[in-house]
Amino acid sequence: MKHKDRNIITSFLAKLCRGIDALNEWIGRGVAWVTFLVVVVVFADVVMRYAFKTSFVFTQELEWHLFSFIFLMGAGYTLLKDGHVRVDIIYQRLSPKAQAWVNFIGVLLFLLPGCYMVIVTSVSFTYTSWAMMEGSPDPGGIPYRFLIKSAIPIGFVLIMLQGISMGIKSFFTIIGKDFEKKAGNG
């Protein structure tokens, strides 16, 4: 492959990573505002329960739905910020290149296939929920349960995209290329 062709591919991959990272950054910042909404809803629920001795199924379900939304839609952002749980005792002692190998292999063998499996299985699950306009089975519950179920495949697509970005960056590190310079960040 010619040097010019390699530069075009490298530039495209760097732009792809920048785009994926920007998407998850934007969504992550939006999801942060939903956490404020959860605090308000939980506070209102606690006040209603203890001050007025009443509680509503709708409020309790809204807490669960908002938390699920935060978890699902914010997972790609969390991966972008390297905030997922892992055993750092060994990983933190590795060289940057060895860390890149761990990340690259993890993305290829676990993250991408796992996300694909969840996406494929949840799409039909979500479609069925939309087709029947599924709502809460509880009286007074949220009538639009199909909306939160839509966050399952969308959230895992965001994780998968961020995994692709992580894999590309790891590959750059493995082959000794300066990703930050190619991505226009340095």
Foldseek 3Di string as FASTA:
>chain_A
DDPVVVLVVLLVLLQLLVVLLVVLVVLLVVLVVLVVVLVVLVVVQVCCCPVVVDHFQASVVVNVLSVLLSCLSNPLVCVSVVNDDDPVPPLVPDDLLVVLVVLLCCLVPPLQVVLVVQLVVLVVVLVVCVVVQCFDPDVRYGSRPSVSSVSRNVSSVSNNSSSSSSNSVSVCVNVVHDSCVSSVND
